[in-house]
Amino acid sequence: MGHRIDEIDKRILYYFAVDARNTATSDIAEEMGVTPATIRNRIDQLEERGILRGYLADIDYKSIGGYVTYLFRCTAPIPKRTRLAQSALDVSGVVGVQELMSGSANLLVTVVGADTDDINHIAEKIADLGLTIEDESVVQGEYHRPYDPFGPETVPRGPSLTDFMSLAGDAEVAEFTVSEGAEIAGKTIEQAVADGQISREAHVVGVERDGDVLTPKGETTFQAGDVVSLLSTAPFEKDSLAAFGAQRE
């Protein structure tokens, strides 16, 4: 089963897809209303869960004199497809393999060679693995862009609802950030409940602060930059999160 990610995670993935090398955690933190430590902790979590798998250099090999990039469309027996894809990566000159969910031409193998003889030698090694090369093409250009739905439609101001999930029955979970000036900032959980800013049907189940996850207690004080998870046994009212600065549409 896939991992759930929230708006903070999505924004990290978006900007890392734009330019991982020059992405500053402080910039993402400012946009999302959390601390840089929280962003660094989220990056670690994305790496541990295998979602953020690496930081690959975008190299234009054809700009290097004499080098050429080829794309081989190969067919592997379906039961052996994954194993052969991994074996192909061990061939010198292979720089990428894509595994497709299809019967034929189910592996795309990208190779780089210094000349035609080099490419032919790599092709022989690929065929020796048991792959059938269906077609080959010279790669003229390759272009990338980040996944737009993970990016900002507009730069958010202040706190924001970062995740929302409906559970069985009428229960709901909301996750949001707390920013400077929020009514609830500086108050304890007990005070917020007493003042009616948190309904008695709602429970604070998590507070993420500076990269650490706190166990919420009555005396826990909300601070700007906190990522708060709130569980409600009844549906959230439209303005029930107003004190945090996050509202459902």
Protein backbone atom coordinates (compact mmCIF):
# COMPACT_ATOMS: atom_id res chain seq x y z
CA MET A 1 0.00 0.00 0.00
CA GLY A 2 1.28 3.47 -0.86
CA HIS A 3 2.35 6.02 1.73
CA ARG A 4 0.18 9.04 2.58
CA ILE A 5 1.82 12.42 2.15
CA ASP A 6 0.52 15.86 3.06
CA GLU A 7 0.92 19.30 1.49
CA ILE A 8 4.28 19.87 3.21
CA ASP A 9 5.66 16.64 1.74
CA LYS A 10 4.23 17.49 -1.69
CA ARG A 11 5.86 20.91 -1.68
CA ILE A 12 9.24 19.38 -0.77
CA LEU A 13 8.97 16.90 -3.65
CA TYR A 14 7.92 19.68 -6.04
CA TYR A 15 10.88 21.93 -5.30
CA PHE A 16 13.36 19.05 -5.22
CA ALA A 17 12.11 18.06 -8.69
CA VAL A 18 12.71 21.66 -9.82
CA ASP A 19 16.28 21.82 -8.51
CA ALA A 20 17.33 19.64 -5.59
CA ARG A 21 20.82 21.12 -5.41
CA ASN A 22 19.70 24.71 -4.93
CA THR A 23 16.53 24.17 -2.90
CA ALA A 24 16.82 25.74 0.55
CA THR A 25 14.84 24.20 3.39
CA SER A 26 14.35 27.69 4.80
CA ASP A 27 12.49 28.79 1.64
CA ILE A 28 10.08 25.85 1.79
CA ALA A 29 9.62 26.37 5.54
CA GLU A 30 8.72 30.02 5.05
CA GLU A 31 6.22 29.20 2.33
CA MET A 32 4.55 26.45 4.38
CA GLY A 33 4.61 28.31 7.70
CA VAL A 34 6.79 25.78 9.54
CA THR A 35 10.38 25.71 10.77
CA PRO A 36 13.40 24.61 8.67
CA ALA A 37 13.96 21.78 11.17
CA THR A 38 10.49 20.44 10.35
CA ILE A 39 11.32 20.48 6.63
CA ARG A 40 14.63 18.69 7.23
CA ASN A 41 12.83 16.06 9.30
CA ARG A 42 10.24 15.56 6.55
CA ILE A 43 13.02 15.13 3.96
CA ASP A 44 14.58 12.42 6.14
CA GLN A 45 11.19 10.68 6.40
CA LEU A 46 10.63 10.84 2.64
CA GLU A 47 14.03 9.24 2.11
CA GLU A 48 13.45 6.54 4.72
CA ARG A 49 10.09 5.63 3.15
CA GLY A 50 11.67 5.31 -0.28
CA ILE A 51 9.62 8.16 -1.77
CA LEU A 52 12.58 10.49 -2.26
CA ARG A 53 15.01 8.00 -3.74
CA GLY A 54 17.97 10.13 -4.74
CA TYR A 55 19.34 13.29 -6.30
CA LEU A 56 20.41 12.47 -9.85
CA ALA A 57 22.58 14.79 -11.93
CA ASP A 58 20.98 15.90 -15.21
CA ILE A 59 23.86 15.29 -17.67
CA ASP A 60 23.67 16.18 -21.36
CA TYR A 61 26.06 13.55 -22.74
CA LYS A 62 25.61 14.63 -26.36
CA SER A 63 27.19 17.97 -25.50
CA ILE A 64 30.41 16.06 -24.77
CA GLY A 65 32.36 15.55 -27.98
CA GLY A 66 31.78 12.15 -29.58
CA TYR A 67 29.30 10.77 -27.02
CA VAL A 68 25.83 9.65 -27.99
CA THR A 69 22.79 8.51 -26.01
CA TYR A 70 20.63 5.63 -27.27
CA LEU A 71 17.27 4.33 -26.13
CA PHE A 72 16.72 0.58 -26.57
CA ARG A 73 13.15 -0.76 -26.41
CA CYS A 74 13.51 -4.29 -25.11
CA THR A 75 11.23 -7.18 -24.28
CA ALA A 76 11.81 -9.34 -21.22
CA PRO A 77 9.78 -12.39 -20.14
CA ILE A 78 7.27 -10.99 -17.65
CA PRO A 79 8.32 -13.30 -14.76
CA LYS A 80 11.95 -12.17 -15.24
CA ARG A 81 11.27 -8.52 -16.08
CA THR A 82 12.30 -6.97 -12.75
CA ARG A 83 15.40 -9.16 -12.39
CA LEU A 84 16.53 -8.42 -15.95
CA ALA A 85 15.91 -4.70 -15.45
CA GLN A 86 18.25 -4.75 -12.47
CA SER A 87 20.80 -6.85 -14.36
CA ALA A 88 20.77 -4.40 -17.26
CA LEU A 89 21.86 -1.63 -14.89
CA ASP A 90 25.04 -3.62 -14.22
CA VAL A 91 26.07 -3.37 -17.89
CA SER A 92 28.75 -0.72 -18.33
CA GLY A 93 27.30 2.17 -20.35
CA VAL A 94 23.71 1.66 -19.21
CA VAL A 95 22.59 4.80 -17.35
CA GLY A 96 18.89 4.11 -16.87
CA VAL A 97 16.22 1.42 -17.10
CA GLN A 98 12.44 1.89 -17.06
CA GLU A 99 10.20 -1.10 -16.40
CA LEU A 100 6.83 -0.95 -18.16
CA MET A 101 3.68 -2.89 -17.34
CA SER A 102 3.25 -4.40 -20.79
CA GLY A 103 3.91 -7.68 -22.55
CA SER A 104 6.25 -6.46 -25.29
CA ALA A 105 8.78 -3.62 -25.27
CA ASN A 106 8.44 -3.67 -21.50
CA LEU A 107 11.92 -2.32 -20.70
CA LEU A 108 13.34 0.99 -21.86
CA VAL A 109 17.13 0.95 -21.54
CA THR A 110 19.07 4.19 -21.89
CA VAL A 111 22.75 3.81 -22.75
CA VAL A 112 25.65 6.17 -23.41
CA GLY A 113 28.57 5.34 -25.68
CA ALA A 114 31.65 7.06 -27.03
CA ASP A 115 30.95 5.89 -30.61
CA THR A 116 28.89 3.44 -32.67
CA ASP A 117 31.15 0.51 -31.84
CA ASP A 118 30.69 1.26 -28.15
CA ILE A 119 26.90 1.28 -28.54
CA ASN A 120 26.96 -2.02 -30.48
CA HIS A 121 29.06 -3.62 -27.72
CA ILE A 122 26.56 -2.49 -25.08
CA ALA A 123 23.69 -3.84 -27.21
CA GLU A 124 25.39 -7.25 -27.34
CA LYS A 125 25.75 -7.30 -23.56
CA ILE A 126 22.06 -6.43 -23.16
CA ALA A 127 21.06 -9.23 -25.57
CA ASP A 128 23.30 -11.69 -23.70
CA LEU A 129 21.16 -11.11 -20.60
CA GLY A 130 18.16 -12.58 -22.40
CA LEU A 131 16.56 -9.33 -23.51
CA THR A 132 15.16 -8.94 -27.03
CA ILE A 133 15.93 -5.52 -28.51
CA GLU A 134 12.83 -4.48 -30.45
CA ASP A 135 13.92 -1.02 -31.51
CA GLU A 136 16.59 1.59 -30.90
CA SER A 137 16.74 5.35 -31.28
CA VAL A 138 19.22 8.13 -30.77
CA VAL A 139 18.06 10.39 -27.95
CA GLN A 140 18.14 13.92 -29.32
CA GLY A 141 16.84 15.66 -26.21
CA GLU A 142 15.32 14.95 -22.82
CA TYR A 143 13.24 17.37 -20.80
CA HIS A 144 11.88 17.28 -17.27
CA ARG A 145 9.52 19.31 -15.14
CA PRO A 146 8.09 18.88 -11.63
CA TYR A 147 4.63 17.45 -10.98
CA ASP A 148 2.43 20.57 -10.95
CA PRO A 149 -0.26 19.31 -8.51
CA PHE A 150 2.42 19.15 -5.79
CA GLY A 151 3.42 22.78 -6.35
CA PRO A 152 1.92 26.03 -5.10
CA GLU A 153 -1.03 27.42 -7.05
CA THR A 154 -0.43 30.63 -5.14
CA VAL A 155 2.06 31.29 -2.40
CA PRO A 156 0.14 30.70 0.84
CA ARG A 157 0.11 33.40 3.47
CA GLY A 158 0.06 32.37 7.07
CA PRO A 159 -1.12 28.97 8.29
CA SER A 160 -2.61 26.38 6.00
CA LEU A 161 -4.52 23.14 6.07
CA THR A 162 -1.89 20.61 5.01
CA ASP A 163 -3.86 17.36 5.11
CA PHE A 164 -7.41 16.17 5.65
CA MET A 165 -8.87 12.68 5.93
CA SER A 166 -12.32 11.27 6.65
CA LEU A 167 -12.45 8.16 8.81
CA ALA A 168 -15.15 5.59 9.51
CA GLY A 169 -18.42 7.09 10.70
CA ASP A 170 -18.28 10.87 11.05
CA ALA A 171 -14.71 11.05 12.36
CA GLU A 172 -12.25 13.33 10.57
CA VAL A 173 -8.55 14.16 10.92
CA ALA A 174 -7.13 17.56 9.97
CA GLU A 175 -3.48 18.55 9.86
CA PHE A 176 -2.49 22.20 9.70
CA THR A 177 0.26 24.65 10.52
CA VAL A 178 0.15 27.40 13.13
CA SER A 179 1.67 30.76 12.21
CA GLU A 180 2.45 34.02 13.92
CA GLY A 181 -0.72 35.84 14.92
CA ALA A 182 -2.96 32.78 15.10
CA GLU A 183 -5.46 33.08 17.97
CA ILE A 184 -4.39 29.77 19.40
CA ALA A 185 -0.62 30.47 19.35
CA GLY A 186 0.69 30.75 22.90
CA LYS A 187 -2.24 28.88 24.43
CA THR A 188 -2.17 25.43 26.00
CA ILE A 189 -4.46 22.68 24.79
CA GLU A 190 -6.47 23.02 28.03
CA GLN A 191 -6.88 26.77 27.51
CA ALA A 192 -7.94 26.32 23.88
CA VAL A 193 -10.61 23.79 24.89
CA ALA A 194 -11.83 26.01 27.76
CA ASP A 195 -12.06 29.00 25.38
CA GLY A 196 -14.01 26.94 22.84
CA GLN A 197 -11.30 27.17 20.20
CA ILE A 198 -11.07 23.38 20.17
CA SER A 199 -14.39 21.58 20.45
CA ARG A 200 -14.81 18.87 23.06
CA GLU A 201 -15.37 16.38 20.24
CA ALA A 202 -11.85 17.11 18.95
CA HIS A 203 -8.56 15.78 20.26
CA VAL A 204 -5.03 16.93 19.51
CA VAL A 205 -3.28 13.71 18.51
CA GLY A 206 0.04 15.09 17.28
CA VAL A 207 2.25 18.16 17.38
CA GLU A 208 5.31 18.30 15.12
CA ARG A 209 7.76 21.01 16.20
CA ASP A 210 11.25 21.73 14.89
CA GLY A 211 11.49 18.24 13.47
CA ASP A 212 10.36 16.49 16.66
CA VAL A 213 6.98 14.84 17.21
CA LEU A 214 5.59 15.73 20.64
CA THR A 215 3.08 13.75 22.69
CA PRO A 216 0.24 16.25 23.23
CA LYS A 217 -0.75 16.93 26.84
CA GLY A 218 -3.09 19.43 28.42
CA GLU A 219 -0.21 21.75 29.25
CA THR A 220 1.29 21.57 25.74
CA THR A 221 1.45 25.11 24.34
CA PHE A 222 0.82 25.77 20.66
CA GLN A 223 3.65 27.65 18.95
CA ALA A 224 4.02 29.30 15.57
CA GLY A 225 5.34 26.78 13.07
CA ASP A 226 3.76 23.76 14.80
CA VAL A 227 2.21 21.12 12.54
CA VAL A 228 -0.87 20.02 14.50
CA SER A 229 -2.98 16.91 13.89
CA LEU A 230 -6.54 17.14 15.20
CA LEU A 231 -8.97 14.20 15.41
CA SER A 232 -12.67 14.97 15.65
CA THR A 233 -15.36 12.38 16.36
CA ALA A 234 -17.82 14.63 14.50
CA PRO A 235 -17.35 16.47 11.17
CA PHE A 236 -15.45 19.74 11.48
CA GLU A 237 -17.64 22.80 11.20
CA LYS A 238 -16.69 25.31 8.52
CA ASP A 239 -15.10 27.74 11.00
CA SER A 240 -13.99 25.20 13.59
CA LEU A 241 -10.32 25.66 12.67
CA ALA A 242 -10.47 29.45 12.47
CA ALA A 243 -8.37 29.87 15.61
CA PHE A 244 -5.55 28.04 13.87
CA GLY A 245 -5.92 30.10 10.72
CA ALA A 246 -6.96 27.07 8.63
CA GLN A 247 -10.47 26.72 7.23
CA ARG A 248 -12.14 24.11 5.09
CA GLU A 249 -13.62 25.36 1.85
